[in-house]
Amino acid sequence: MRGQVRHKMVQGASRVLARRGLHATAFSEVLAVTGASRGSIYHHFPGGKAELIEAVLEDYGGRTDDALQALHGQPLLSVVRGALALWRARLVEEDCGAGCPVAAVALAADSPRLESDCRAIFDDWIATLSGALFAGGLRSSDGAKALATLVMASMEGGTVLARAQGSIEPYDVMARQVLAYAEHAVAANAATTGRRAA
């Protein structure tokens, strides 16, 4: 039961962070969206808001990394489509009203610990995606990392534009362009290695 309440609070804080940003996220809002009691705040997070935010980063970062890891073993273009679909699904689920909680913290981090945590999470995501792209047929580790970085930056940027415009259209425009670039990379890779990766 104790673990369930804590998990529920972490999930609630993640949603508030994604919508409101770091500085506007307050325990009162987390309690409102989760129905948890006020006494549970310092019971589960004696370190206060900082501990709660760190828990959100660990949880969201880990779950997203697992989702990206699940793309491993698929063809290169399927990996790109799968990653794009993950970020898109979250936007649609929130009616383009919420972004990435890790990005929200990274943009307003007020401590070296949070900055380091966010940097490590993005590094992990890019490394996982890079590994999946390499396994999917991109026969250059540098090329796989570069493409993974492009995809990640595009997804995060597309999320910001979709939120700002209140529409999924900017994200979809970005996704089509990223896929077109990935298709070009597949063709170039096939010409270089003599094997198709699509």
Protein backbone atom coordinates (compact mmCIF):
# COMPACT_ATOMS: atom_id res chain seq x y z
CA MET A 1 0.00 0.00 0.00
CA ARG A 2 2.79 2.42 0.91
CA GLY A 3 4.53 1.76 -2.38
CA GLN A 4 1.28 2.25 -4.28
CA VAL A 5 0.67 5.67 -2.74
CA ARG A 6 4.22 6.79 -3.49
CA HIS A 7 3.98 5.54 -7.07
CA LYS A 8 0.66 7.34 -7.51
CA MET A 9 2.20 10.58 -6.25
CA VAL A 10 5.17 10.22 -8.61
CA GLN A 11 2.83 9.66 -11.55
CA GLY A 12 0.72 12.64 -10.53
CA ALA A 13 3.75 14.87 -10.17
CA SER A 14 4.93 13.78 -13.60
CA ARG A 15 1.65 14.93 -15.15
CA VAL A 16 1.74 18.26 -13.32
CA LEU A 17 5.38 18.82 -14.32
CA ALA A 18 4.61 18.07 -17.96
CA ARG A 19 1.82 20.65 -17.95
CA ARG A 20 2.98 23.35 -15.58
CA GLY A 21 6.77 23.19 -15.52
CA LEU A 22 9.19 22.86 -12.63
CA HIS A 23 8.60 26.05 -10.68
CA ALA A 24 4.80 25.94 -10.97
CA THR A 25 4.62 22.35 -9.72
CA ALA A 26 3.45 22.33 -6.11
CA PHE A 27 2.58 19.56 -3.68
CA SER A 28 -0.97 20.93 -3.47
CA GLU A 29 -1.52 20.21 -7.17
CA VAL A 30 -0.01 16.75 -6.87
CA LEU A 31 -2.36 15.99 -3.99
CA ALA A 32 -5.30 17.33 -6.00
CA VAL A 33 -4.66 15.08 -9.01
CA THR A 34 -3.83 11.98 -6.96
CA GLY A 35 -6.21 12.26 -4.02
CA ALA A 36 -3.34 11.52 -1.63
CA SER A 37 -3.48 12.94 1.89
CA ARG A 38 -1.34 15.89 2.92
CA GLY A 39 0.32 13.74 5.57
CA SER A 40 1.68 11.48 2.85
CA ILE A 41 3.92 14.22 1.44
CA TYR A 42 6.79 14.11 3.90
CA HIS A 43 6.07 10.49 4.78
CA HIS A 44 7.01 9.43 1.26
CA PHE A 45 9.23 12.38 0.35
CA PRO A 46 10.99 13.63 3.48
CA GLY A 47 13.37 15.56 1.24
CA GLY A 48 10.48 17.68 0.00
CA LYS A 49 9.88 18.81 -3.56
CA ALA A 50 13.45 18.11 -4.65
CA GLU A 51 13.10 14.45 -3.70
CA LEU A 52 9.76 14.20 -5.49
CA ILE A 53 11.18 15.71 -8.68
CA GLU A 54 14.14 13.33 -8.58
CA ALA A 55 11.71 10.42 -8.20
CA VAL A 56 9.75 11.64 -11.23
CA LEU A 57 12.91 11.84 -13.32
CA GLU A 58 14.00 8.36 -12.31
CA ASP A 59 10.57 6.88 -13.01
CA TYR A 60 9.83 8.66 -16.29
CA GLY A 61 13.38 8.32 -17.53
CA GLY A 62 13.41 4.60 -16.82
CA ARG A 63 10.01 3.88 -18.35
CA THR A 64 10.84 5.81 -21.49
CA ASP A 65 14.21 4.09 -21.81
CA ASP A 66 12.43 0.73 -21.52
CA ALA A 67 10.05 1.75 -24.30
CA LEU A 68 12.96 2.73 -26.53
CA GLN A 69 14.78 -0.48 -25.64
CA ALA A 70 11.74 -2.42 -26.87
CA LEU A 71 12.47 -1.10 -30.38
CA HIS A 72 15.77 -3.00 -30.42
CA GLY A 73 15.75 -5.73 -33.04
CA GLN A 74 13.48 -3.91 -35.47
CA PRO A 75 14.58 -2.56 -38.88
CA LEU A 76 16.02 0.93 -38.84
CA LEU A 77 12.98 2.74 -40.22
CA SER A 78 10.72 0.87 -37.82
CA VAL A 79 12.90 2.06 -34.95
CA VAL A 80 12.52 5.68 -36.07
CA ARG A 81 8.77 5.29 -36.56
CA GLY A 82 8.45 3.64 -33.17
CA ALA A 83 10.30 6.42 -31.36
CA LEU A 84 8.28 9.11 -33.12
CA ALA A 85 5.09 7.27 -32.23
CA LEU A 86 5.99 7.16 -28.53
CA TRP A 87 6.30 10.93 -28.21
CA ARG A 88 3.26 11.50 -30.44
CA ALA A 89 1.06 9.20 -28.36
CA ARG A 90 1.86 11.17 -25.21
CA LEU A 91 0.98 14.44 -26.93
CA VAL A 92 -2.33 13.07 -28.19
CA GLU A 93 -3.16 11.57 -24.80
CA GLU A 94 -2.78 15.01 -23.22
CA ASP A 95 -4.50 16.84 -26.10
CA CYS A 96 -1.21 18.63 -26.82
CA GLY A 97 -1.40 20.20 -23.38
CA ALA A 98 1.64 18.57 -21.84
CA GLY A 99 5.23 18.02 -22.82
CA CYS A 100 8.12 15.94 -21.57
CA PRO A 101 8.63 16.25 -17.79
CA VAL A 102 12.36 15.71 -18.18
CA ALA A 103 12.57 18.62 -20.60
CA ALA A 104 10.44 20.70 -18.24
CA VAL A 105 12.95 20.13 -15.44
CA ALA A 106 15.97 20.61 -17.71
CA LEU A 107 14.73 24.03 -18.83
CA ALA A 108 14.29 25.31 -15.29
CA ALA A 109 16.68 23.20 -13.20
CA ASP A 110 17.83 25.18 -10.19
CA SER A 111 20.42 22.76 -8.86
CA PRO A 112 23.46 20.92 -10.23
CA ARG A 113 21.83 17.63 -9.18
CA LEU A 114 18.76 18.17 -11.34
CA GLU A 115 20.87 19.39 -14.26
CA SER A 116 23.02 16.28 -14.00
CA ASP A 117 19.98 13.99 -13.73
CA CYS A 118 18.37 15.46 -16.85
CA ARG A 119 21.60 15.29 -18.82
CA ALA A 120 22.05 11.64 -17.86
CA ILE A 121 18.50 10.75 -18.86
CA PHE A 122 18.79 12.32 -22.31
CA ASP A 123 22.19 10.65 -22.74
CA ASP A 124 20.63 7.30 -21.84
CA TRP A 125 17.73 7.77 -24.25
CA ILE A 126 20.04 8.73 -27.09
CA ALA A 127 22.37 5.80 -26.34
CA THR A 128 19.46 3.34 -26.29
CA LEU A 129 18.01 4.72 -29.51
CA SER A 130 21.46 4.74 -31.10
CA GLY A 131 21.92 1.09 -30.21
CA ALA A 132 18.57 0.19 -31.73
CA LEU A 133 19.40 2.10 -34.93
CA PHE A 134 22.78 0.40 -35.19
CA ALA A 135 21.22 -3.02 -34.65
CA GLY A 136 18.52 -2.08 -37.16
CA GLY A 137 21.04 -1.79 -39.94
CA LEU A 138 22.94 1.49 -39.66
CA ARG A 139 26.47 0.17 -39.86
CA SER A 140 28.20 3.15 -38.30
CA SER A 141 28.16 3.81 -34.58
CA ASP A 142 28.84 7.50 -35.17
CA GLY A 143 26.06 7.65 -37.74
CA ALA A 144 23.67 5.86 -35.40
CA LYS A 145 24.41 8.29 -32.57
CA ALA A 146 24.01 11.27 -34.89
CA LEU A 147 20.65 10.02 -36.17
CA ALA A 148 19.49 9.21 -32.64
CA THR A 149 20.42 12.73 -31.54
CA LEU A 150 18.55 14.21 -34.50
CA VAL A 151 15.44 12.15 -33.76
CA MET A 152 15.51 13.00 -30.05
CA ALA A 153 16.02 16.72 -30.64
CA SER A 154 13.29 16.72 -33.27
CA MET A 155 10.80 14.94 -31.01
CA GLU A 156 11.41 17.31 -28.14
CA GLY A 157 11.23 20.35 -30.42
CA GLY A 158 8.13 19.03 -32.15
CA THR A 159 6.52 18.56 -28.75
CA VAL A 160 7.16 22.20 -27.86
CA LEU A 161 5.63 23.45 -31.12
CA ALA A 162 2.61 21.16 -30.78
CA ARG A 163 1.99 22.49 -27.29
CA ALA A 164 2.45 26.11 -28.34
CA GLN A 165 0.02 25.75 -31.24
CA GLY A 166 -2.37 23.40 -29.48
CA SER A 167 -2.23 21.05 -32.44
CA ILE A 168 -0.49 17.82 -33.37
CA GLU A 169 0.18 19.16 -36.87
CA PRO A 170 3.65 20.65 -36.18
CA TYR A 171 4.75 17.35 -34.68
CA ASP A 172 3.46 15.40 -37.68
CA VAL A 173 5.22 17.75 -40.10
CA MET A 174 8.45 17.17 -38.18
CA ALA A 175 7.90 13.41 -38.13
CA ARG A 176 7.48 13.24 -41.90
CA GLN A 177 10.71 15.16 -42.44
CA VAL A 178 12.64 13.01 -39.97
CA LEU A 179 11.36 9.85 -41.66
CA ALA A 180 12.35 11.22 -45.06
CA TYR A 181 15.84 11.88 -43.73
CA ALA A 182 15.98 8.38 -42.21
CA GLU A 183 14.93 6.85 -45.53
CA HIS A 184 17.79 8.72 -47.18
CA ALA A 185 20.14 7.36 -44.51
CA VAL A 186 18.89 3.83 -45.22
CA ALA A 187 19.50 4.24 -48.93
CA ALA A 188 22.98 5.65 -48.37
CA ASN A 189 23.76 2.88 -45.91
CA ALA A 190 22.59 0.23 -48.36
CA ALA A 191 24.74 1.70 -51.10
CA THR A 192 27.75 1.67 -48.81
CA THR A 193 27.33 -1.73 -47.22
CA GLY A 194 25.45 -3.59 -49.90
CA ARG A 195 22.64 -4.55 -47.55
CA ARG A 196 19.21 -3.03 -47.13
CA ALA A 197 18.14 -1.81 -43.68
CA ALA A 198 14.46 -1.09 -44.20
